Amino acid sequence: MRFLLRKNRKPPTVIIVALIDVLMVVLIFMVVSTTFTNQAAVKLVLPESSQAKAAPAVNDSLIVTVAKEPPHFFFGTSEAAAADLEAELKQRIADNPELELSIRADTGAPWGKIIKLMDAAKAAGVTSVKALTEESSGK
């Protein structure tokens, strides 16, 4: 016994354009709300020193990073070959004769690479060379 008559219904049609619009809005929201952080070019573990002091913000300082794994040398975020160190330093000294060199070397960086950088700095005419360290947490 049927009291209600069933109507022949068509299955609902899915409007793809509306779904794409919603997907685009969600995608734009995700991109805008994502926080972008400045990622370092090389991850370093700096040696600790109990005598470390806060480095003064000096504009006449060139920081060269010596990494544990090849490529070993970085001027800022751009990598440099060992053969090009002296030429690069000479060019930077020509631009600014009072330039100070700060070496930021990883704890596991090969000591020979640090000496190679110091030799290139001396040959290029750099008068001041500093080493960057982290303050030790314990005494």
N, C-alpha and C. Protein backbone atom coordinates (compact mmCIF):
# COMPACT_ATOMS: atom_id res chain seq x y z
N MET A 1 0.83 -1.17 0.00
CA MET A 1 0.00 0.00 0.00
C MET A 1 0.88 1.24 0.00
N ARG A 2 0.66 2.04 -1.00
CA ARG A 2 1.44 3.27 -1.11
C ARG A 2 0.55 4.46 -0.89
N PHE A 3 0.98 5.27 0.06
CA PHE A 3 0.22 6.48 0.30
C PHE A 3 0.79 7.67 -0.45
N LEU A 4 2.10 7.66 -0.62
CA LEU A 4 2.74 8.77 -1.32
C LEU A 4 3.23 8.28 -2.67
N LEU A 5 3.05 9.11 -3.62
CA LEU A 5 3.53 8.78 -4.94
C LEU A 5 4.95 9.34 -5.08
N ARG A 6 5.84 8.52 -5.54
CA ARG A 6 7.21 8.99 -5.75
C ARG A 6 7.32 9.63 -7.11
N LYS A 7 7.99 10.76 -7.10
CA LYS A 7 8.20 11.44 -8.36
C LYS A 7 9.54 10.98 -8.91
N ASN A 8 9.61 10.90 -10.17
CA ASN A 8 10.87 10.56 -10.81
C ASN A 8 11.78 11.78 -10.77
N ARG A 9 12.75 11.70 -9.92
CA ARG A 9 13.67 12.84 -9.78
C ARG A 9 14.94 12.57 -10.54
N LYS A 10 15.50 13.63 -11.09
CA LYS A 10 16.80 13.53 -11.74
C LYS A 10 17.87 13.70 -10.67
N PRO A 11 18.99 13.03 -10.85
CA PRO A 11 20.07 13.27 -9.88
C PRO A 11 20.55 14.71 -9.99
N PRO A 12 20.96 15.30 -8.86
CA PRO A 12 21.38 16.71 -8.91
C PRO A 12 22.65 16.87 -9.76
N THR A 13 22.69 17.95 -10.47
CA THR A 13 23.87 18.23 -11.29
C THR A 13 24.87 19.01 -10.46
N VAL A 14 26.11 18.67 -10.59
CA VAL A 14 27.17 19.34 -9.85
C VAL A 14 27.75 20.42 -10.75
N ILE A 15 27.77 21.62 -10.24
CA ILE A 15 28.28 22.73 -11.03
C ILE A 15 29.78 22.85 -10.73
N ILE A 16 30.58 22.44 -11.67
CA ILE A 16 32.03 22.39 -11.50
C ILE A 16 32.61 23.80 -11.37
N VAL A 17 32.08 24.76 -12.08
CA VAL A 17 32.62 26.12 -12.05
C VAL A 17 32.54 26.69 -10.65
N ALA A 18 31.46 26.44 -9.96
CA ALA A 18 31.32 26.95 -8.59
C ALA A 18 32.32 26.27 -7.66
N LEU A 19 32.60 24.99 -7.86
CA LEU A 19 33.57 24.29 -7.03
C LEU A 19 34.98 24.83 -7.28
N ILE A 20 35.28 25.13 -8.52
CA ILE A 20 36.60 25.68 -8.83
C ILE A 20 36.75 27.06 -8.20
N ASP A 21 35.71 27.86 -8.23
CA ASP A 21 35.76 29.19 -7.59
C ASP A 21 36.03 29.06 -6.09
N VAL A 22 35.35 28.15 -5.44
CA VAL A 22 35.55 27.95 -4.00
C VAL A 22 36.97 27.46 -3.74
N LEU A 23 37.46 26.54 -4.56
CA LEU A 23 38.81 26.03 -4.42
C LEU A 23 39.84 27.15 -4.58
N MET A 24 39.64 28.04 -5.53
CA MET A 24 40.56 29.16 -5.73
C MET A 24 40.56 30.10 -4.53
N VAL A 25 39.41 30.36 -3.96
CA VAL A 25 39.34 31.23 -2.77
C VAL A 25 40.08 30.59 -1.61
N VAL A 26 39.91 29.30 -1.41
CA VAL A 26 40.62 28.61 -0.33
C VAL A 26 42.13 28.63 -0.58
N LEU A 27 42.53 28.41 -1.83
CA LEU A 27 43.95 28.44 -2.17
C LEU A 27 44.56 29.82 -1.93
N ILE A 28 43.88 30.87 -2.33
CA ILE A 28 44.36 32.23 -2.10
C ILE A 28 44.46 32.51 -0.61
N PHE A 29 43.47 32.09 0.15
CA PHE A 29 43.50 32.27 1.61
C PHE A 29 44.71 31.57 2.21
N MET A 30 44.99 30.35 1.78
CA MET A 30 46.13 29.61 2.32
C MET A 30 47.45 30.30 1.99
N VAL A 31 47.60 30.80 0.77
CA VAL A 31 48.84 31.47 0.38
C VAL A 31 49.03 32.76 1.16
N VAL A 32 47.98 33.53 1.32
CA VAL A 32 48.07 34.81 2.01
C VAL A 32 48.33 34.61 3.51
N SER A 33 47.74 33.60 4.10
CA SER A 33 47.87 33.43 5.54
C SER A 33 49.13 32.65 5.94
N THR A 34 49.86 32.11 4.98
CA THR A 34 51.09 31.39 5.29
C THR A 34 52.18 32.37 5.68
N THR A 35 52.93 32.03 6.71
CA THR A 35 54.04 32.88 7.12
C THR A 35 55.31 32.38 6.45
N PHE A 36 56.01 33.28 5.84
CA PHE A 36 57.26 32.94 5.18
C PHE A 36 58.40 33.40 6.07
N THR A 37 59.34 32.51 6.31
CA THR A 37 60.49 32.86 7.14
C THR A 37 61.73 32.90 6.28
N ASN A 38 62.67 33.68 6.72
CA ASN A 38 63.94 33.79 6.00
C ASN A 38 64.77 32.55 6.31
N GLN A 39 64.99 31.73 5.32
CA GLN A 39 65.75 30.51 5.51
C GLN A 39 67.22 30.77 5.23
N ALA A 40 68.08 30.26 6.08
CA ALA A 40 69.51 30.44 5.90
C ALA A 40 69.99 29.58 4.73
N ALA A 41 71.01 30.08 4.03
CA ALA A 41 71.56 29.33 2.90
C ALA A 41 72.33 28.11 3.40
N VAL A 42 72.99 28.24 4.52
CA VAL A 42 73.80 27.17 5.08
C VAL A 42 73.47 27.04 6.56
N LYS A 43 73.24 25.83 7.01
CA LYS A 43 72.99 25.61 8.44
C LYS A 43 74.34 25.40 9.11
N LEU A 44 74.62 26.22 10.13
CA LEU A 44 75.90 26.16 10.82
C LEU A 44 75.71 25.90 12.30
N VAL A 45 76.70 25.26 12.88
CA VAL A 45 76.80 25.14 14.33
C VAL A 45 78.09 25.90 14.68
N LEU A 46 77.94 27.14 15.14
CA LEU A 46 79.10 27.95 15.45
C LEU A 46 79.77 27.46 16.73
N PRO A 47 81.07 27.58 16.80
CA PRO A 47 81.75 27.20 18.04
C PRO A 47 81.35 28.15 19.16
N GLU A 48 81.37 27.63 20.39
CA GLU A 48 80.99 28.44 21.55
C GLU A 48 82.23 29.03 22.19
N SER A 49 82.06 30.22 22.76
CA SER A 49 83.16 30.89 23.44
C SER A 49 82.61 31.59 24.67
N SER A 50 83.30 31.43 25.80
CA SER A 50 82.85 32.10 27.02
C SER A 50 83.19 33.59 26.97
N GLN A 51 84.07 33.98 26.06
CA GLN A 51 84.49 35.38 25.94
C GLN A 51 83.78 36.09 24.79
N ALA A 52 82.77 35.48 24.20
CA ALA A 52 82.08 36.06 23.05
C ALA A 52 81.34 37.33 23.45
N LYS A 53 81.38 38.30 22.57
CA LYS A 53 80.67 39.57 22.78
C LYS A 53 79.72 39.76 21.62
N ALA A 54 78.70 40.56 21.86
CA ALA A 54 77.76 40.85 20.80
C ALA A 54 78.49 41.61 19.70
N ALA A 55 78.31 41.17 18.48
CA ALA A 55 78.98 41.81 17.35
C ALA A 55 78.32 43.15 17.06
N PRO A 56 79.11 44.22 16.97
CA PRO A 56 78.53 45.51 16.64
C PRO A 56 78.04 45.53 15.21
N ALA A 57 76.99 46.28 14.97
CA ALA A 57 76.45 46.39 13.62
C ALA A 57 77.33 47.35 12.83
N VAL A 58 78.24 46.81 12.05
CA VAL A 58 79.17 47.62 11.28
C VAL A 58 78.87 47.39 9.80
N ASN A 59 78.77 48.48 9.06
CA ASN A 59 78.49 48.36 7.64
C ASN A 59 79.73 47.95 6.86
N ASP A 60 80.93 48.13 7.43
CA ASP A 60 82.17 47.84 6.72
C ASP A 60 82.64 46.42 7.01
N SER A 61 81.72 45.49 7.22
CA SER A 61 82.10 44.12 7.54
C SER A 61 81.57 43.18 6.46
N LEU A 62 82.45 42.32 5.99
CA LEU A 62 82.09 41.29 5.02
C LEU A 62 82.10 39.95 5.74
N ILE A 63 80.99 39.26 5.74
CA ILE A 63 80.90 37.97 6.42
C ILE A 63 81.05 36.87 5.39
N VAL A 64 82.07 36.03 5.60
CA VAL A 64 82.29 34.86 4.75
C VAL A 64 82.00 33.63 5.59
N THR A 65 81.15 32.77 5.09
CA THR A 65 80.76 31.56 5.79
C THR A 65 81.58 30.38 5.28
N VAL A 66 82.12 29.59 6.20
CA VAL A 66 82.86 28.38 5.84
C VAL A 66 82.03 27.21 6.34
N ALA A 67 81.51 26.42 5.40
CA ALA A 67 80.62 25.30 5.75
C ALA A 67 81.41 24.02 5.94
N LYS A 68 80.76 23.06 6.56
CA LYS A 68 81.38 21.76 6.82
C LYS A 68 81.50 20.93 5.55
N GLU A 69 80.52 21.06 4.65
CA GLU A 69 80.48 20.26 3.43
C GLU A 69 80.61 21.15 2.20
N PRO A 70 81.11 20.62 1.09
CA PRO A 70 81.25 21.43 -0.13
C PRO A 70 79.90 21.91 -0.62
N PRO A 71 79.79 23.05 -1.21
CA PRO A 71 80.81 24.08 -1.38
C PRO A 71 81.10 24.74 -0.03
N HIS A 72 82.34 24.93 0.27
CA HIS A 72 82.74 25.37 1.60
C HIS A 72 82.57 26.87 1.84
N PHE A 73 82.71 27.71 0.81
CA PHE A 73 82.77 29.16 1.01
C PHE A 73 81.51 29.83 0.47
N PHE A 74 80.98 30.78 1.28
CA PHE A 74 79.80 31.56 0.90
C PHE A 74 80.03 33.02 1.23
N PHE A 75 79.81 33.90 0.27
CA PHE A 75 79.78 35.35 0.49
C PHE A 75 78.31 35.70 0.60
N GLY A 76 77.82 35.88 1.80
CA GLY A 76 76.38 36.08 1.99
C GLY A 76 75.67 34.78 1.68
N THR A 77 74.81 34.79 0.66
CA THR A 77 74.12 33.57 0.26
C THR A 77 74.69 32.97 -1.02
N SER A 78 75.62 33.67 -1.67
CA SER A 78 76.18 33.14 -2.91
C SER A 78 77.45 32.36 -2.63
N GLU A 79 77.54 31.18 -3.23
CA GLU A 79 78.70 30.34 -2.99
C GLU A 79 79.88 30.80 -3.84
N ALA A 80 81.08 30.49 -3.35
CA ALA A 80 82.31 30.89 -4.04
C ALA A 80 83.27 29.71 -4.06
N ALA A 81 83.99 29.58 -5.16
CA ALA A 81 84.98 28.53 -5.28
C ALA A 81 86.25 28.96 -4.55
N ALA A 82 87.03 27.99 -4.11
CA ALA A 82 88.26 28.28 -3.37
C ALA A 82 89.24 29.07 -4.24
N ALA A 83 89.25 28.81 -5.54
CA ALA A 83 90.17 29.51 -6.44
C ALA A 83 89.78 30.98 -6.63
N ASP A 84 88.52 31.31 -6.40
CA ASP A 84 88.04 32.67 -6.63
C ASP A 84 88.05 33.54 -5.38
N LEU A 85 88.49 33.01 -4.24
CA LEU A 85 88.44 33.76 -2.99
C LEU A 85 89.26 35.04 -3.06
N GLU A 86 90.51 34.93 -3.49
CA GLU A 86 91.39 36.09 -3.51
C GLU A 86 90.86 37.17 -4.45
N ALA A 87 90.41 36.78 -5.63
CA ALA A 87 89.88 37.76 -6.59
C ALA A 87 88.64 38.45 -6.05
N GLU A 88 87.77 37.68 -5.42
CA GLU A 88 86.54 38.26 -4.85
C GLU A 88 86.88 39.24 -3.73
N LEU A 89 87.82 38.85 -2.86
CA LEU A 89 88.21 39.74 -1.77
C LEU A 89 88.89 41.00 -2.29
N LYS A 90 89.75 40.88 -3.31
CA LYS A 90 90.40 42.06 -3.90
C LYS A 90 89.37 43.02 -4.47
N GLN A 91 88.34 42.47 -5.11
CA GLN A 91 87.30 43.32 -5.67
C GLN A 91 86.55 44.06 -4.56
N ARG A 92 86.24 43.36 -3.49
CA ARG A 92 85.52 43.99 -2.38
C ARG A 92 86.39 45.03 -1.67
N ILE A 93 87.70 44.77 -1.56
CA ILE A 93 88.62 45.73 -0.94
C ILE A 93 88.77 46.96 -1.83
N ALA A 94 88.76 46.76 -3.14
CA ALA A 94 88.85 47.90 -4.07
C ALA A 94 87.62 48.80 -3.92
N ASP A 95 86.47 48.21 -3.68
CA ASP A 95 85.24 48.99 -3.49
C ASP A 95 85.23 49.72 -2.15
N ASN A 96 85.80 49.08 -1.10
CA ASN A 96 85.80 49.66 0.24
C ASN A 96 87.11 49.28 0.93
N PRO A 97 88.11 50.16 0.94
CA PRO A 97 89.42 49.82 1.51
C PRO A 97 89.41 49.54 3.02
N GLU A 98 88.40 50.01 3.75
CA GLU A 98 88.34 49.80 5.19
C GLU A 98 87.49 48.59 5.56
N LEU A 99 87.30 47.69 4.62
CA LEU A 99 86.47 46.51 4.83
C LEU A 99 87.09 45.56 5.85
N GLU A 100 86.27 45.08 6.78
CA GLU A 100 86.69 44.08 7.77
C GLU A 100 86.11 42.73 7.34
N LEU A 101 86.90 41.69 7.50
CA LEU A 101 86.45 40.35 7.15
C LEU A 101 86.05 39.62 8.43
N SER A 102 84.84 39.08 8.44
CA SER A 102 84.37 38.27 9.56
C SER A 102 84.16 36.86 9.05
N ILE A 103 84.83 35.91 9.70
CA ILE A 103 84.72 34.51 9.30
C ILE A 103 83.72 33.83 10.20
N ARG A 104 82.72 33.25 9.60
CA ARG A 104 81.68 32.51 10.33
C ARG A 104 81.81 31.05 9.89
N ALA A 105 82.52 30.26 10.68
CA ALA A 105 82.82 28.88 10.30
C ALA A 105 82.04 27.90 11.15
N ASP A 106 81.59 26.84 10.53
CA ASP A 106 80.92 25.76 11.23
C ASP A 106 81.91 25.07 12.16
N THR A 107 81.41 24.48 13.25
CA THR A 107 82.28 23.78 14.19
C THR A 107 83.04 22.65 13.50
N GLY A 108 82.39 21.98 12.57
CA GLY A 108 83.02 20.85 11.87
C GLY A 108 83.70 21.24 10.57
N ALA A 109 83.84 22.54 10.29
CA ALA A 109 84.47 22.97 9.04
C ALA A 109 85.94 22.57 9.04
N PRO A 110 86.46 22.14 7.90
CA PRO A 110 87.87 21.77 7.84
C PRO A 110 88.76 22.97 8.14
N TRP A 111 89.70 22.79 9.04
CA TRP A 111 90.59 23.88 9.44
C TRP A 111 91.40 24.37 8.24
N GLY A 112 91.73 23.50 7.32
CA GLY A 112 92.49 23.89 6.14
C GLY A 112 91.73 24.91 5.28
N LYS A 113 90.42 24.79 5.24
CA LYS A 113 89.61 25.74 4.45
C LYS A 113 89.62 27.12 5.11
N ILE A 114 89.60 27.15 6.43
CA ILE A 114 89.64 28.43 7.15
C ILE A 114 91.00 29.10 6.91
N ILE A 115 92.08 28.33 6.96
CA ILE A 115 93.41 28.87 6.70
C ILE A 115 93.52 29.37 5.27
N LYS A 116 92.92 28.64 4.33
CA LYS A 116 92.93 29.06 2.92
C LYS A 116 92.24 30.41 2.77
N LEU A 117 91.12 30.60 3.47
CA LEU A 117 90.41 31.87 3.44
C LEU A 117 91.25 32.98 4.05
N MET A 118 91.92 32.69 5.16
CA MET A 118 92.76 33.71 5.81
C MET A 118 93.95 34.08 4.92
N ASP A 119 94.54 33.11 4.23
CA ASP A 119 95.63 33.40 3.29
C ASP A 119 95.15 34.27 2.14
N ALA A 120 93.97 33.95 1.61
CA ALA A 120 93.41 34.75 0.51
C ALA A 120 93.13 36.17 0.97
N ALA A 121 92.66 36.32 2.22
CA ALA A 121 92.39 37.66 2.76
C ALA A 121 93.68 38.45 2.90
N LYS A 122 94.74 37.79 3.38
CA LYS A 122 96.02 38.47 3.54
C LYS A 122 96.58 38.88 2.18
N ALA A 123 96.47 38.00 1.18
CA ALA A 123 96.95 38.32 -0.16
C ALA A 123 96.13 39.43 -0.81
N ALA A 124 94.85 39.53 -0.45
CA ALA A 124 93.99 40.57 -1.02
C ALA A 124 94.17 41.91 -0.33
N GLY A 125 94.85 41.93 0.81
CA GLY A 125 95.09 43.19 1.51
C GLY A 125 94.08 43.51 2.58
N VAL A 126 93.36 42.52 3.07
CA VAL A 126 92.41 42.73 4.17
C VAL A 126 93.22 42.95 5.44
N THR A 127 92.92 44.04 6.16
CA THR A 127 93.70 44.38 7.35
C THR A 127 93.10 43.83 8.63
N SER A 128 91.81 43.57 8.66
CA SER A 128 91.15 43.12 9.89
C SER A 128 90.36 41.85 9.61
N VAL A 129 90.66 40.79 10.36
CA VAL A 129 89.94 39.52 10.23
C VAL A 129 89.42 39.14 11.61
N LYS A 130 88.13 38.82 11.70
CA LYS A 130 87.50 38.44 12.95
C LYS A 130 86.83 37.08 12.78
N ALA A 131 86.63 36.39 13.87
CA ALA A 131 85.91 35.11 13.87
C ALA A 131 84.62 35.28 14.65
N LEU A 132 83.52 34.83 14.09
CA LEU A 132 82.23 34.91 14.77
C LEU A 132 81.98 33.61 15.53
N THR A 133 81.52 33.73 16.77
CA THR A 133 81.20 32.58 17.62
C THR A 133 79.87 32.82 18.30
N GLU A 134 79.39 31.81 19.01
CA GLU A 134 78.20 31.96 19.84
C GLU A 134 78.63 32.01 21.30
N GLU A 135 77.84 32.68 22.12
CA GLU A 135 78.11 32.69 23.55
C GLU A 135 77.82 31.32 24.13
N SER A 136 78.72 30.84 24.99
CA SER A 136 78.45 29.54 25.60
C SER A 136 77.40 29.70 26.68
N SER A 137 76.52 28.72 26.78
CA SER A 137 75.42 28.81 27.74
C SER A 137 75.86 28.44 29.16
N GLY A 138 76.81 27.52 29.26
CA GLY A 138 77.28 27.12 30.58
C GLY A 138 78.72 27.52 30.80
N LYS A 139 79.13 27.58 32.07
CA LYS A 139 80.51 27.97 32.35
C LYS A 139 81.30 26.80 32.81
